[in-house]
């Protein structure tokens, strides 16, 4: 009934994390639950995604420690967001199938953000759960965008995402106040 999308460079930090995510995904109206991902030094690698940040999309709270005070304590608050990363994402199988799953035109970058946008378009919520905690050894297995081929692919995926979701890029993320 549920699909856990999990990168091969993610490791469980809190044993109750999957049960934590399940406790929200079972609710009506929720289509996606994303986790808090940390670097090995316990600073934040992903605390949800802000669409438009850095041009297309960027992770919130990067580099901050969980004990740091953030605006309205949002880093440690369960909340609706426009998107979360599929490095660790729990979704309903039915929702995944209804929206066509991950778009193959975005082979590496932004396919998760695109998926979240499609799920939200169907009327489901995307939830960030800071109490589901994993380590993410970001890009450990696939490497960085450090060759002409990878850079070309990445730039192409930026263009594809922008063509599919230009509205939110021009209007701004409804879950983020730029002030």
Protein backbone atom coordinates (compact mmCIF):
# COMPACT_ATOMS: atom_id res chain seq x y z
CA UNK A 1 0.00 0.00 0.00
CA UNK A 2 2.99 2.32 0.53
CA UNK A 3 6.27 2.91 -1.28
CA UNK A 4 9.43 4.04 0.46
CA UNK A 5 11.80 5.73 -1.97
CA UNK A 6 15.24 5.50 -0.41
CA UNK A 7 18.63 6.32 -1.91
CA UNK A 8 21.45 3.84 -1.50
CA UNK A 9 23.43 6.52 0.37
CA UNK A 10 20.87 6.92 3.18
CA UNK A 11 21.18 5.30 6.61
CA UNK A 12 18.63 5.09 9.41
CA UNK A 13 19.53 7.32 12.38
CA UNK A 14 16.39 7.04 14.51
CA UNK A 15 14.98 3.48 14.73
CA UNK A 16 11.35 4.71 14.87
CA UNK A 17 11.66 6.82 11.70
CA UNK A 18 9.71 4.60 9.32
CA UNK A 19 6.93 4.06 11.87
CA UNK A 20 6.92 7.84 12.39
CA UNK A 21 6.43 8.44 8.66
CA UNK A 22 3.75 5.74 8.46
CA UNK A 23 1.78 7.44 11.23
CA UNK A 24 1.17 10.39 8.88
CA UNK A 25 0.96 8.79 5.43
CA UNK A 26 -2.08 6.74 6.55
CA UNK A 27 -4.11 9.93 6.99
CA UNK A 28 -6.55 11.03 4.32
CA UNK A 29 -5.29 13.85 2.14
CA UNK A 30 -1.60 13.14 2.69
CA UNK A 31 0.21 11.80 -0.36
CA UNK A 32 3.86 12.15 0.65
CA UNK A 33 5.87 12.20 3.88
CA UNK A 34 9.52 13.24 3.77
CA UNK A 35 12.18 12.88 6.44
CA UNK A 36 14.84 15.07 8.00
CA UNK A 37 18.19 14.10 6.52
CA UNK A 38 21.45 14.82 8.28
CA UNK A 39 25.11 14.88 7.39
CA UNK A 40 27.37 12.61 9.48
CA UNK A 41 28.11 15.57 11.82
CA UNK A 42 24.36 15.79 12.60
CA UNK A 43 23.81 19.05 10.76
CA UNK A 44 20.89 19.28 8.35
CA UNK A 45 21.27 18.13 4.76
CA UNK A 46 17.53 18.33 4.02
CA UNK A 47 14.72 19.87 6.02
CA UNK A 48 12.17 19.99 3.23
CA UNK A 49 12.42 21.70 -0.15
CA UNK A 50 11.65 25.27 -1.11
CA UNK A 51 10.68 25.49 -4.77
CA UNK A 52 12.49 28.36 -6.46
CA UNK A 53 15.33 28.52 -3.93
CA UNK A 54 18.60 28.67 -5.85
CA UNK A 55 16.72 28.97 -9.14
CA UNK A 56 14.72 25.72 -9.25
CA UNK A 57 14.59 24.14 -5.79
CA UNK A 58 16.74 23.96 -2.70
CA UNK A 59 16.76 22.15 0.61
CA UNK A 60 15.78 24.11 3.69
CA UNK A 61 17.97 24.51 6.79
CA UNK A 62 21.13 23.11 5.20
CA UNK A 63 24.07 23.09 7.62
CA UNK A 64 22.07 23.95 10.72
CA UNK A 65 22.12 21.77 13.81
CA UNK A 66 18.82 20.45 15.18
CA UNK A 67 19.39 22.40 18.40
CA UNK A 68 19.67 25.72 16.54
CA UNK A 69 16.80 28.11 16.70
CA UNK A 70 15.17 28.70 13.32
CA UNK A 71 12.36 31.03 12.30
CA UNK A 72 9.29 29.90 14.25
CA UNK A 73 11.24 26.69 15.00
CA UNK A 74 10.21 25.46 11.55
CA UNK A 75 13.17 23.12 11.16
CA UNK A 76 11.76 20.96 13.96
CA UNK A 77 8.04 21.37 13.15
CA UNK A 78 5.94 18.88 11.25
CA UNK A 79 4.56 20.90 8.34
CA UNK A 80 3.15 20.94 4.86
CA UNK A 81 5.64 21.90 2.18
CA UNK A 82 5.65 22.05 -1.60
CA UNK A 83 8.23 19.28 -1.83
CA UNK A 84 10.61 16.93 -0.06
CA UNK A 85 13.50 14.93 -1.39
CA UNK A 86 13.06 11.37 -2.65
CA UNK A 87 16.36 10.44 -1.03
CA UNK A 88 13.88 9.32 1.65
CA UNK A 89 10.22 9.72 0.81
CA UNK A 90 7.16 7.65 1.77
CA UNK A 91 4.14 7.77 -0.52
CA UNK A 92 0.91 5.93 -1.07
CA UNK A 93 1.18 3.39 -3.89
CA UNK A 94 -2.21 4.51 -5.22
CA UNK A 95 -1.07 8.14 -5.39
CA UNK A 96 2.20 7.12 -7.07
CA UNK A 97 0.28 5.22 -9.73
CA UNK A 98 -2.42 7.89 -10.17
CA UNK A 99 0.11 10.57 -11.06
CA UNK A 100 2.32 8.36 -13.21
CA UNK A 101 5.21 7.96 -10.77
CA UNK A 102 8.54 9.64 -11.39
CA UNK A 103 8.95 11.41 -14.72
CA UNK A 104 11.69 9.73 -16.75
CA UNK A 105 12.52 13.00 -18.51
CA UNK A 106 14.16 14.03 -15.24
CA UNK A 107 16.57 11.11 -14.86
CA UNK A 108 18.68 12.43 -11.97
CA UNK A 109 17.81 15.94 -10.80
CA UNK A 110 14.41 17.31 -9.78
CA UNK A 111 12.42 14.12 -10.46
CA UNK A 112 11.43 14.09 -6.79
CA UNK A 113 10.36 17.74 -6.82
CA UNK A 114 8.38 17.10 -10.00
CA UNK A 115 6.72 14.12 -8.31
CA UNK A 116 5.74 16.26 -5.31
CA UNK A 117 4.28 18.89 -7.64
CA UNK A 118 2.18 16.23 -9.42
CA UNK A 119 0.94 14.83 -6.12
CA UNK A 120 -0.03 18.30 -4.90
CA UNK A 121 -1.81 18.96 -8.21
CA UNK A 122 -3.97 15.89 -7.44
CA UNK A 123 -4.97 17.59 -4.17
CA UNK A 124 -2.77 15.67 -1.75
CA UNK A 125 -0.49 17.22 0.86
CA UNK A 126 3.27 16.83 1.06
CA UNK A 127 4.47 16.66 4.67
CA UNK A 128 7.94 17.19 6.15
CA UNK A 129 8.43 15.11 9.30
CA UNK A 130 11.47 16.27 11.31
CA UNK A 131 11.14 13.33 13.71
CA UNK A 132 11.88 10.78 11.00
CA UNK A 133 15.67 11.11 10.87
CA UNK A 134 18.21 9.54 8.54
CA UNK A 135 21.82 10.18 7.58
CA UNK A 136 22.32 11.08 3.93
CA UNK A 137 25.78 10.76 2.45
CA UNK A 138 24.75 13.09 -0.36
CA UNK A 139 25.92 12.11 -3.84
CA UNK A 140 28.26 9.49 -2.36
CA UNK A 141 27.32 6.87 -4.93
CA UNK A 142 26.68 8.97 -8.05
CA UNK A 143 29.24 11.71 -7.52
CA UNK A 144 29.00 15.42 -8.17
CA UNK A 145 28.02 17.32 -11.30
CA UNK A 146 31.70 17.62 -12.20
CA UNK A 147 32.04 16.59 -15.84
CA UNK A 148 30.86 18.32 -19.02
CA UNK A 149 28.36 15.49 -19.62
CA UNK A 150 26.88 15.71 -16.11
CA UNK A 151 26.69 19.50 -16.29
CA UNK A 152 24.94 19.31 -19.66
CA UNK A 153 22.42 16.78 -18.31
CA UNK A 154 21.83 18.89 -15.19
CA UNK A 155 21.22 22.05 -17.22
CA UNK A 156 18.84 20.13 -19.45
CA UNK A 157 16.90 18.91 -16.43
CA UNK A 158 16.68 22.49 -15.12
CA UNK A 159 15.07 23.49 -18.44
CA UNK A 160 12.65 20.54 -18.34
CA UNK A 161 11.56 21.29 -14.77
CA UNK A 162 11.13 24.99 -15.56
CA UNK A 163 8.97 24.18 -18.58
CA UNK A 164 6.75 21.88 -16.49
CA UNK A 165 6.44 24.05 -13.38
CA UNK A 166 7.06 27.64 -14.50
CA UNK A 167 4.01 28.87 -12.58
CA UNK A 168 5.36 28.10 -9.11
CA UNK A 169 8.79 29.37 -10.15
CA UNK A 170 7.34 32.73 -11.18
CA UNK A 171 4.71 33.04 -8.43
CA UNK A 172 6.84 31.66 -5.61
CA UNK A 173 6.51 28.71 -3.28
CA UNK A 174 3.20 28.99 -1.37
CA UNK A 175 4.80 27.45 1.74
CA UNK A 176 7.73 29.87 1.90
CA UNK A 177 7.74 33.54 2.80
CA UNK A 178 10.73 35.19 1.08
CA UNK A 179 10.76 37.93 3.73
